[in-house]
Each structure stands twice: as C-alpha cells, then as structure tokens.
Amino acid sequence: MYLDVEQALEDVSYPAKCADVVEHCGDHVLALQTGKETVGEAIDRCEAGTLRSQREARQTVLSSVSEGAIGRKYYSDRDPPLPDAEWYEPVSL
C-alpha cells in the first residue's frame, strides 16, 4: 500500500488543497489488508485543508485509511495477559 500511495501522489504540485489532491488522484485504488479503498475516500475522512508536501499528503492518506488496512482488529501478540485469565507459558520447541 505504501508504494501505491507514493505513485498516486508524486505528480501533484505542492502545496495543494485536499480537494485538488482528490481531483488529481482521488480515484487511485489502494490495496488494503481486507479490501480496497481509493485515495479520495481516505483523504475525505480528514480535515487537513492544505497539504504542504508529498510527505504530508502521504502521511494524511496513511493516517486516514479505513479499518481494512489494519488486518485483525484488536489483535496484538504483545499484550500482557488479563488478570485472572487462564494463561499458558510459552514453550520453546
């Protein structure tokens, strides 16, 4: 997805208003973990106004994609066990 965003935003002249970015490359499709979304759909979720650089535009898109980009929601293999929950010590094979 990261490279897809780079390709979509590289031909925009910055600084640019969000509406101009959507007009220029809003129909560019991003492949997410579970589904697809356009650059326009992602940018429409934020209220950035003017994007000063391609880097800022990329961060805006990456920060605004839907839950389809995160894979398994609420999953982490780094969370500590819950108090009073049954927990197994890891076994090294």
PDB file of N, CA and C in Angstrom:
ATOM      1  N   MET A   1       0.822  -1.189   0.000  1.00  0.00           N
ATOM      2  CA  MET A   1       0.000   0.000   0.000  1.00  0.00           C
ATOM      3  C   MET A   1       0.865   1.250   0.000  1.00  0.00           C
ATOM      4  N   TYR A   2       1.981   1.226   0.711  1.00  0.00           N
ATOM      5  CA  TYR A   2       2.842   2.401   0.832  1.00  0.00           C
ATOM      6  C   TYR A   2       3.301   2.883  -0.542  1.00  0.00           C
ATOM      7  N   LEU A   3       3.755   1.959  -1.395  1.00  0.00           N
ATOM      8  CA  LEU A   3       4.220   2.332  -2.729  1.00  0.00           C
ATOM      9  C   LEU A   3       3.074   2.816  -3.599  1.00  0.00           C
ATOM     10  N   ASP A   4       1.886   2.260  -3.423  1.00  0.00           N
ATOM     11  CA  ASP A   4       0.715   2.733  -4.160  1.00  0.00           C
ATOM     12  C   ASP A   4       0.432   4.195  -3.842  1.00  0.00           C
ATOM     13  N   VAL A   5       0.568   4.572  -2.584  1.00  0.00           N
ATOM     14  CA  VAL A   5       0.333   5.951  -2.164  1.00  0.00           C
ATOM     15  C   VAL A   5       1.383   6.856  -2.790  1.00  0.00           C
ATOM     16  N   GLU A   6       2.646   6.432  -2.754  1.00  0.00           N
ATOM     17  CA  GLU A   6       3.728   7.220  -3.343  1.00  0.00           C
ATOM     18  C   GLU A   6       3.455   7.500  -4.817  1.00  0.00           C
ATOM     19  N   GLN A   7       3.089   6.480  -5.570  1.00  0.00           N
ATOM     20  CA  GLN A   7       2.832   6.627  -7.001  1.00  0.00           C
ATOM     21  C   GLN A   7       1.663   7.569  -7.260  1.00  0.00           C
ATOM     22  N   ALA A   8       0.645   7.475  -6.441  1.00  0.00           N
ATOM     23  CA  ALA A   8      -0.542   8.306  -6.648  1.00  0.00           C
ATOM     24  C   ALA A   8      -0.250   9.781  -6.404  1.00  0.00           C
ATOM     25  N   LEU A   9       0.606  10.088  -5.451  1.00  0.00           N
ATOM     26  CA  LEU A   9       0.815  11.470  -5.024  1.00  0.00           C
ATOM     27  C   LEU A   9       2.007  12.161  -5.670  1.00  0.00           C
ATOM     28  N   GLU A  10       2.794  11.458  -6.442  1.00  0.00           N
ATOM     29  CA  GLU A  10       4.040  12.053  -6.930  1.00  0.00           C
ATOM     30  C   GLU A  10       3.841  13.128  -7.998  1.00  0.00           C
ATOM     31  N   ASP A  11       2.742  13.150  -8.719  1.00  0.00           N
ATOM     32  CA  ASP A  11       2.537  14.131  -9.780  1.00  0.00           C
ATOM     33  C   ASP A  11       1.724  15.352  -9.353  1.00  0.00           C
ATOM     34  N   VAL A  12       1.407  15.451  -8.076  1.00  0.00           N
ATOM     35  CA  VAL A  12       0.641  16.593  -7.562  1.00  0.00           C
ATOM     36  C   VAL A  12       1.613  17.725  -7.258  1.00  0.00           C
ATOM     37  N   SER A  13       1.233  18.962  -7.580  1.00  0.00           N
ATOM     38  CA  SER A  13       2.052  20.134  -7.257  1.00  0.00           C
ATOM     39  C   SER A  13       1.713  20.603  -5.849  1.00  0.00           C
ATOM     40  N   TYR A  14       2.706  20.696  -4.996  1.00  0.00           N
ATOM     41  CA  TYR A  14       2.501  21.096  -3.600  1.00  0.00           C
ATOM     42  C   TYR A  14       3.025  22.494  -3.378  1.00  0.00           C
ATOM     43  N   PRO A  15       2.429  23.251  -2.449  1.00  0.00           N
ATOM     44  CA  PRO A  15       1.288  22.911  -1.597  1.00  0.00           C
ATOM     45  C   PRO A  15       0.011  22.755  -2.426  1.00  0.00           C
ATOM     46  N   ALA A  16      -0.855  21.884  -1.926  1.00  0.00           N
ATOM     47  CA  ALA A  16      -2.109  21.595  -2.626  1.00  0.00           C
ATOM     48  C   ALA A  16      -3.229  21.425  -1.613  1.00  0.00           C
ATOM     49  N   LYS A  17      -4.390  21.882  -1.976  1.00  0.00           N
ATOM     50  CA  LYS A  17      -5.564  21.661  -1.127  1.00  0.00           C
ATOM     51  C   LYS A  17      -5.978  20.203  -1.259  1.00  0.00           C
ATOM     52  N   CYS A  18      -6.589  19.674  -0.216  1.00  0.00           N
ATOM     53  CA  CYS A  18      -7.052  18.282  -0.235  1.00  0.00           C
ATOM     54  C   CYS A  18      -7.976  18.033  -1.420  1.00  0.00           C
ATOM     55  N   ALA A  19      -8.831  18.996  -1.717  1.00  0.00           N
ATOM     56  CA  ALA A  19      -9.755  18.844  -2.842  1.00  0.00           C
ATOM     57  C   ALA A  19      -8.992  18.699  -4.159  1.00  0.00           C
ATOM     58  N   ASP A  20      -7.864  19.426  -4.298  1.00  0.00           N
ATOM     59  CA  ASP A  20      -7.061  19.314  -5.516  1.00  0.00           C
ATOM     60  C   ASP A  20      -6.393  17.944  -5.614  1.00  0.00           C
ATOM     61  N   VAL A  21      -5.945  17.410  -4.494  1.00  0.00           N
ATOM     62  CA  VAL A  21      -5.330  16.081  -4.485  1.00  0.00           C
ATOM     63  C   VAL A  21      -6.375  15.033  -4.858  1.00  0.00           C
ATOM     64  N   VAL A  22      -7.568  15.162  -4.309  1.00  0.00           N
ATOM     65  CA  VAL A  22      -8.648  14.219  -4.628  1.00  0.00           C
ATOM     66  C   VAL A  22      -8.997  14.318  -6.106  1.00  0.00           C
ATOM     67  N   GLU A  23      -9.050  15.531  -6.635  1.00  0.00           N
ATOM     68  CA  GLU A  23      -9.362  15.711  -8.053  1.00  0.00           C
ATOM     69  C   GLU A  23      -8.278  15.092  -8.936  1.00  0.00           C
ATOM     70  N   HIS A  24      -7.027  15.242  -8.537  1.00  0.00           N
ATOM     71  CA  HIS A  24      -5.910  14.762  -9.345  1.00  0.00           C
ATOM     72  C   HIS A  24      -5.732  13.244  -9.280  1.00  0.00           C
ATOM     73  N   CYS A  25      -5.827  12.662  -8.088  1.00  0.00           N
ATOM     74  CA  CYS A  25      -5.539  11.223  -7.948  1.00  0.00           C
ATOM     75  C   CYS A  25      -6.494  10.514  -6.996  1.00  0.00           C
ATOM     76  N   GLY A  26      -7.656  11.077  -6.755  1.00  0.00           N
ATOM     77  CA  GLY A  26      -8.603  10.503  -5.809  1.00  0.00           C
ATOM     78  C   GLY A  26      -9.154   9.148  -6.195  1.00  0.00           C
ATOM     79  N   ASP A  27      -9.107   8.813  -7.497  1.00  0.00           N
ATOM     80  CA  ASP A  27      -9.636   7.517  -7.924  1.00  0.00           C
ATOM     81  C   ASP A  27      -8.581   6.414  -7.923  1.00  0.00           C
ATOM     82  N   HIS A  28      -7.374   6.739  -7.493  1.00  0.00           N
ATOM     83  CA  HIS A  28      -6.301   5.735  -7.389  1.00  0.00           C
ATOM     84  C   HIS A  28      -6.652   4.734  -6.288  1.00  0.00           C
ATOM     85  N   VAL A  29      -6.673   3.447  -6.629  1.00  0.00           N
ATOM     86  CA  VAL A  29      -7.098   2.399  -5.692  1.00  0.00           C
ATOM     87  C   VAL A  29      -5.915   1.913  -4.855  1.00  0.00           C
ATOM     88  N   LEU A  30      -6.143   1.829  -3.550  1.00  0.00           N
ATOM     89  CA  LEU A  30      -5.154   1.302  -2.607  1.00  0.00           C
ATOM     90  C   LEU A  30      -5.587  -0.094  -2.179  1.00  0.00           C
ATOM     91  N   ALA A  31      -4.680  -1.041  -2.244  1.00  0.00           N
ATOM     92  CA  ALA A  31      -4.975  -2.411  -1.796  1.00  0.00           C
ATOM     93  C   ALA A  31      -4.712  -2.489  -0.294  1.00  0.00           C
ATOM     94  N   LEU A  32      -5.732  -2.800   0.476  1.00  0.00           N
ATOM     95  CA  LEU A  32      -5.613  -2.902   1.931  1.00  0.00           C
ATOM     96  C   LEU A  32      -5.557  -4.370   2.338  1.00  0.00           C
ATOM     97  N   GLN A  33      -5.323  -4.631   3.618  1.00  0.00           N
ATOM     98  CA  GLN A  33      -5.301  -5.996   4.129  1.00  0.00           C
ATOM     99  C   GLN A  33      -6.605  -6.721   3.818  1.00  0.00           C
ATOM    100  N   THR A  34      -7.699  -6.031   4.042  1.00  0.00           N
ATOM    101  CA  THR A  34      -9.013  -6.641   3.797  1.00  0.00           C
ATOM    102  C   THR A  34      -9.845  -5.709   2.934  1.00  0.00           C
ATOM    103  N   GLY A  35      -9.560  -5.681   1.650  1.00  0.00           N
ATOM    104  CA  GLY A  35     -10.352  -4.881   0.726  1.00  0.00           C
ATOM    105  C   GLY A  35      -9.551  -3.831   0.004  1.00  0.00           C
ATOM    106  N   LYS A  36     -10.269  -2.896  -0.569  1.00  0.00           N
ATOM    107  CA  LYS A  36      -9.663  -1.815  -1.339  1.00  0.00           C
ATOM    108  C   LYS A  36     -10.323  -0.507  -0.962  1.00  0.00           C
ATOM    109  N   GLU A  37      -9.612   0.576  -1.253  1.00  0.00           N
ATOM    110  CA  GLU A  37     -10.112   1.906  -0.956  1.00  0.00           C
ATOM    111  C   GLU A  37      -9.403   2.873  -1.881  1.00  0.00           C
ATOM    112  N   THR A  38     -10.029   3.998  -2.192  1.00  0.00           N
ATOM    113  CA  THR A  38      -9.369   4.982  -3.046  1.00  0.00           C
ATOM    114  C   THR A  38      -8.680   6.050  -2.192  1.00  0.00           C
ATOM    115  N   VAL A  39      -7.737   6.734  -2.814  1.00  0.00           N
ATOM    116  CA  VAL A  39      -7.064   7.852  -2.145  1.00  0.00           C
ATOM    117  C   VAL A  39      -8.100   8.902  -1.754  1.00  0.00           C
ATOM    118  N   GLY A  40      -9.068   9.142  -2.623  1.00  0.00           N
ATOM    119  CA  GLY A  40     -10.113  10.120  -2.326  1.00  0.00           C
ATOM    120  C   GLY A  40     -10.925   9.775  -1.098  1.00  0.00           C
ATOM    121  N   GLU A  41     -11.261   8.501  -0.935  1.00  0.00           N
ATOM    122  CA  GLU A  41     -12.026   8.078   0.248  1.00  0.00           C
ATOM    123  C   GLU A  41     -11.220   8.317   1.518  1.00  0.00           C
ATOM    124  N   ALA A  42      -9.935   8.043   1.469  1.00  0.00           N
ATOM    125  CA  ALA A  42      -9.096   8.245   2.652  1.00  0.00           C
ATOM    126  C   ALA A  42      -8.963   9.723   2.990  1.00  0.00           C
ATOM    127  N   ILE A  43      -8.675  10.548   1.991  1.00  0.00           N
ATOM    128  CA  ILE A  43      -8.488  11.982   2.247  1.00  0.00           C
ATOM    129  C   ILE A  43      -9.788  12.639   2.701  1.00  0.00           C
ATOM    130  N   ASP A  44     -10.929  12.160   2.214  1.00  0.00           N
ATOM    131  CA  ASP A  44     -12.218  12.746   2.618  1.00  0.00           C
ATOM    132  C   ASP A  44     -12.498  12.577   4.111  1.00  0.00           C
ATOM    133  N   ARG A  45     -11.823  11.650   4.778  1.00  0.00           N
ATOM    134  CA  ARG A  45     -12.033  11.433   6.223  1.00  0.00           C
ATOM    135  C   ARG A  45     -11.321  12.466   7.087  1.00  0.00           C
ATOM    136  N   CYS A  46     -10.367  13.170   6.528  1.00  0.00           N
ATOM    137  CA  CYS A  46      -9.585  14.106   7.350  1.00  0.00           C
ATOM    138  C   CYS A  46     -10.007  15.538   7.056  1.00  0.00           C
ATOM    139  N   GLU A  47      -9.500  16.437   7.849  1.00  0.00           N
ATOM    140  CA  GLU A  47      -9.796  17.856   7.676  1.00  0.00           C
ATOM    141  C   GLU A  47      -8.490  18.636   7.583  1.00  0.00           C
ATOM    142  N   ALA A  48      -7.563  18.154   6.768  1.00  0.00           N
ATOM    143  CA  ALA A  48      -6.232  18.755   6.697  1.00  0.00           C
ATOM    144  C   ALA A  48      -6.227  20.117   6.022  1.00  0.00           C
ATOM    145  N   GLY A  49      -7.110  20.364   5.075  1.00  0.00           N
ATOM    146  CA  GLY A  49      -7.124  21.650   4.382  1.00  0.00           C
ATOM    147  C   GLY A  49      -6.088  21.691   3.282  1.00  0.00           C
ATOM    148  N   THR A  50      -4.893  22.192   3.596  1.00  0.00           N
ATOM    149  CA  THR A  50      -3.811  22.288   2.620  1.00  0.00           C
ATOM    150  C   THR A  50      -2.693  21.341   3.000  1.00  0.00           C
ATOM    151  N   LEU A  51      -2.208  20.609   2.023  1.00  0.00           N
ATOM    152  CA  LEU A  51      -1.090  19.682   2.214  1.00  0.00           C
ATOM    153  C   LEU A  51       0.158  20.357   1.648  1.00  0.00           C
ATOM    154  N   ARG A  52       1.172  20.556   2.491  1.00  0.00           N
ATOM    155  CA  ARG A  52       2.343  21.338   2.098  1.00  0.00           C
ATOM    156  C   ARG A  52       3.360  20.576   1.267  1.00  0.00           C
ATOM    157  N   SER A  53       3.344  19.235   1.345  1.00  0.00           N
ATOM    158  CA  SER A  53       4.351  18.452   0.631  1.00  0.00           C
ATOM    159  C   SER A  53       3.803  17.057   0.323  1.00  0.00           C
ATOM    160  N   GLN A  54       4.519  16.338  -0.516  1.00  0.00           N
ATOM    161  CA  GLN A  54       4.130  14.963  -0.814  1.00  0.00           C
ATOM    162  C   GLN A  54       4.216  14.119   0.451  1.00  0.00           C
ATOM    163  N   ARG A  55       5.207  14.384   1.266  1.00  0.00           N
ATOM    164  CA  ARG A  55       5.351  13.643   2.527  1.00  0.00           C
ATOM    165  C   ARG A  55       4.128  13.845   3.423  1.00  0.00           C
ATOM    166  N   GLU A  56       3.679  15.091   3.537  1.00  0.00           N
ATOM    167  CA  GLU A  56       2.499  15.373   4.359  1.00  0.00           C
ATOM    168  C   GLU A  56       1.247  14.732   3.757  1.00  0.00           C
ATOM    169  N   ALA A  57       1.142  14.744   2.441  1.00  0.00           N
ATOM    170  CA  ALA A  57      -0.001  14.104   1.779  1.00  0.00           C
ATOM    171  C   ALA A  57       0.017  12.598   2.022  1.00  0.00           C
ATOM    172  N   ARG A  58       1.190  11.992   1.926  1.00  0.00           N
ATOM    173  CA  ARG A  58       1.312  10.546   2.176  1.00  0.00           C
ATOM    174  C   ARG A  58       0.893  10.215   3.598  1.00  0.00           C
ATOM    175  N   GLN A  59       1.371  10.984   4.569  1.00  0.00           N
ATOM    176  CA  GLN A  59       1.015  10.746   5.970  1.00  0.00           C
ATOM    177  C   GLN A  59      -0.482  10.920   6.189  1.00  0.00           C
ATOM    178  N   THR A  60      -1.078  11.890   5.515  1.00  0.00           N
ATOM    179  CA  THR A  60      -2.515  12.117   5.636  1.00  0.00           C
ATOM    180  C   THR A  60      -3.291  10.919   5.122  1.00  0.00           C
ATOM    181  N   VAL A  61      -2.903  10.401   3.960  1.00  0.00           N
ATOM    182  CA  VAL A  61      -3.598   9.238   3.396  1.00  0.00           C
ATOM    183  C   VAL A  61      -3.407   8.020   4.289  1.00  0.00           C
ATOM    184  N   LEU A  62      -2.158   7.755   4.690  1.00  0.00           N
ATOM    185  CA  LEU A  62      -1.885   6.571   5.513  1.00  0.00           C
ATOM    186  C   LEU A  62      -2.579   6.644   6.872  1.00  0.00           C
ATOM    187  N   SER A  63      -2.754   7.842   7.396  1.00  0.00           N
ATOM    188  CA  SER A  63      -3.415   8.010   8.694  1.00  0.00           C
ATOM    189  C   SER A  63      -4.932   7.957   8.587  1.00  0.00           C
ATOM    190  N   SER A  64      -5.441   8.087   7.367  1.00  0.00           N
ATOM    191  CA  SER A  64      -6.886   8.197   7.187  1.00  0.00           C
ATOM    192  C   SER A  64      -7.543   6.988   6.540  1.00  0.00           C
ATOM    193  N   VAL A  65      -6.774   5.959   6.220  1.00  0.00           N
ATOM    194  CA  VAL A  65      -7.393   4.784   5.609  1.00  0.00           C
ATOM    195  C   VAL A  65      -8.313   4.100   6.619  1.00  0.00           C
ATOM    196  N   SER A  66      -9.223   3.304   6.107  1.00  0.00           N
ATOM    197  CA  SER A  66     -10.215   2.655   6.963  1.00  0.00           C
ATOM    198  C   SER A  66      -9.627   1.480   7.733  1.00  0.00           C
ATOM    199  N   GLU A  67     -10.469   0.833   8.519  1.00  0.00           N
ATOM    200  CA  GLU A  67     -10.052  -0.324   9.317  1.00  0.00           C
ATOM    201  C   GLU A  67      -9.592  -1.492   8.452  1.00  0.00           C
ATOM    202  N   GLY A  68      -9.899  -1.477   7.170  1.00  0.00           N
ATOM    203  CA  GLY A  68      -9.471  -2.538   6.278  1.00  0.00           C
ATOM    204  C   GLY A  68      -7.964  -2.631   6.137  1.00  0.00           C
ATOM    205  N   ALA A  69      -7.261  -1.598   6.577  1.00  0.00           N
ATOM    206  CA  ALA A  69      -5.804  -1.575   6.455  1.00  0.00           C
ATOM    207  C   ALA A  69      -5.088  -2.196   7.643  1.00  0.00           C
ATOM    208  N   ILE A  70      -5.807  -2.499   8.713  1.00  0.00           N
ATOM    209  CA  ILE A  70      -5.110  -2.937   9.920  1.00  0.00           C
ATOM    210  C   ILE A  70      -5.065  -4.445  10.121  1.00  0.00           C
ATOM    211  N   GLY A  71      -5.696  -5.197   9.248  1.00  0.00           N
ATOM    212  CA  GLY A  71      -5.685  -6.653   9.444  1.00  0.00           C
ATOM    213  C   GLY A  71      -6.653  -7.045  10.534  1.00  0.00           C
ATOM    214  N   ARG A  72      -6.179  -7.818  11.513  1.00  0.00           N
ATOM    215  CA  ARG A  72      -7.048  -8.276  12.606  1.00  0.00           C
ATOM    216  C   ARG A  72      -7.223  -7.172  13.630  1.00  0.00           C
ATOM    217  N   LYS A  73      -8.432  -6.694  13.777  1.00  0.00           N
ATOM    218  CA  LYS A  73      -8.729  -5.609  14.703  1.00  0.00           C
ATOM    219  C   LYS A  73      -8.604  -6.093  16.144  1.00  0.00           C
ATOM    220  N   TYR A  74      -8.009  -5.267  16.989  1.00  0.00           N
ATOM    221  CA  TYR A  74      -7.799  -5.511  18.418  1.00  0.00           C
ATOM    222  C   TYR A  74      -6.838  -6.664  18.696  1.00  0.00           C
ATOM    223  N   TYR A  75      -6.075  -7.103  17.707  1.00  0.00           N
ATOM    224  CA  TYR A  75      -5.146  -8.217  17.931  1.00  0.00           C
ATOM    225  C   TYR A  75      -3.758  -7.680  18.217  1.00  0.00           C
ATOM    226  N   SER A  76      -3.112  -8.253  19.209  1.00  0.00           N
ATOM    227  CA  SER A  76      -1.719  -7.964  19.500  1.00  0.00           C
ATOM    228  C   SER A  76      -1.124  -9.163  20.208  1.00  0.00           C
ATOM    229  N   ASP A  77       0.030  -9.585  19.761  1.00  0.00           N
ATOM    230  CA  ASP A  77       0.697 -10.684  20.451  1.00  0.00           C
ATOM    231  C   ASP A  77       1.640 -10.143  21.527  1.00  0.00           C
ATOM    232  N   ARG A  78       1.576  -8.845  21.777  1.00  0.00           N
ATOM    233  CA  ARG A  78       2.452  -8.232  22.772  1.00  0.00           C
ATOM    234  C   ARG A  78       1.715  -7.761  24.023  1.00  0.00           C
ATOM    235  N   ASP A  79       0.404  -7.932  24.031  1.00  0.00           N
ATOM    236  CA  ASP A  79      -0.362  -7.506  25.196  1.00  0.00           C
ATOM    237  C   ASP A  79      -0.123  -8.453  26.364  1.00  0.00           C
ATOM    238  N   PRO A  80      -0.061  -7.918  27.583  1.00  0.00           N
ATOM    239  CA  PRO A  80       0.065  -8.796  28.739  1.00  0.00           C
ATOM    240  C   PRO A  80      -1.249  -9.547  28.963  1.00  0.00           C
ATOM    241  N   PRO A  81      -1.199 -10.673  29.640  1.00  0.00           N
ATOM    242  CA  PRO A  81      -2.438 -11.412  29.900  1.00  0.00           C
ATOM    243  C   PRO A  81      -3.361 -10.611  30.820  1.00  0.00           C
ATOM    244  N   LEU A  82      -4.648 -10.848  30.698  1.00  0.00           N
ATOM    245  CA  LEU A  82      -5.615 -10.190  31.556  1.00  0.00           C
ATOM    246  C   LEU A  82      -5.550 -10.784  32.956  1.00  0.00           C
ATOM    247  N   PRO A  83      -5.788  -9.984  33.981  1.00  0.00           N
ATOM    248  CA  PRO A  83      -5.811 -10.522  35.338  1.00  0.00           C
ATOM    249  C   PRO A  83      -6.866 -11.627  35.457  1.00  0.00           C
ATOM    250  N   ASP A  84      -6.543 -12.686  36.166  1.00  0.00           N
ATOM    251  CA  ASP A  84      -7.424 -13.824  36.404  1.00  0.00           C
ATOM    252  C   ASP A  84      -7.772 -14.619  35.146  1.00  0.00           C
ATOM    253  N   ALA A  85      -7.087 -14.356  34.057  1.00  0.00           N
ATOM    254  CA  ALA A  85      -7.343 -15.122  32.836  1.00  0.00           C
ATOM    255  C   ALA A  85      -6.394 -16.314  32.795  1.00  0.00           C
ATOM    256  N   GLU A  86      -6.867 -17.378  32.201  1.00  0.00           N
ATOM    257  CA  GLU A  86      -6.023 -18.562  32.062  1.00  0.00           C
ATOM    258  C   GLU A  86      -4.897 -18.227  31.086  1.00  0.00           C
ATOM    259  N   TRP A  87      -3.684 -18.511  31.472  1.00  0.00           N
ATOM    260  CA  TRP A  87      -2.526 -18.121  30.658  1.00  0.00           C
ATOM    261  C   TRP A  87      -1.527 -19.263  30.633  1.00  0.00           C
ATOM    262  N   TYR A  88      -0.984 -19.508  29.484  1.00  0.00           N
ATOM    263  CA  TYR A  88      -0.003 -20.572  29.334  1.00  0.00           C
ATOM    264  C   TYR A  88       1.370 -19.973  29.066  1.00  0.00           C
ATOM    265  N   GLU A  89       2.364 -20.503  29.720  1.00  0.00           N
ATOM    266  CA  GLU A  89       3.723 -20.070  29.477  1.00  0.00           C
ATOM    267  C   GLU A  89       4.160 -20.566  28.098  1.00  0.00           C
ATOM    268  N   PRO A  90       4.865 -19.716  27.325  1.00  0.00           N
ATOM    269  CA  PRO A  90       5.315 -20.160  26.027  1.00  0.00           C
ATOM    270  C   PRO A  90       6.312 -21.315  26.136  1.00  0.00           C
ATOM    271  N   VAL A  91       6.259 -22.200  25.188  1.00  0.00           N
ATOM    272  CA  VAL A  91       7.151 -23.347  25.181  1.00  0.00           C
ATOM    273  C   VAL A  91       8.064 -23.224  23.962  1.00  0.00           C
ATOM    274  N   SER A  92       9.345 -23.328  24.188  1.00  0.00           N
ATOM    275  CA  SER A  92      10.302 -23.253  23.079  1.00  0.00           C
ATOM    276  C   SER A  92      10.449 -24.639  22.479  1.00  0.00           C
ATOM    277  N   LEU A  93      10.309 -24.723  21.181  1.00  0.00           N
ATOM    278  CA  LEU A  93      10.425 -26.021  20.524  1.00  0.00           C
ATOM    279  C   LEU A  93      11.766 -26.201  19.921  1.00  0.00           C
TER     280      LEU A  93
END
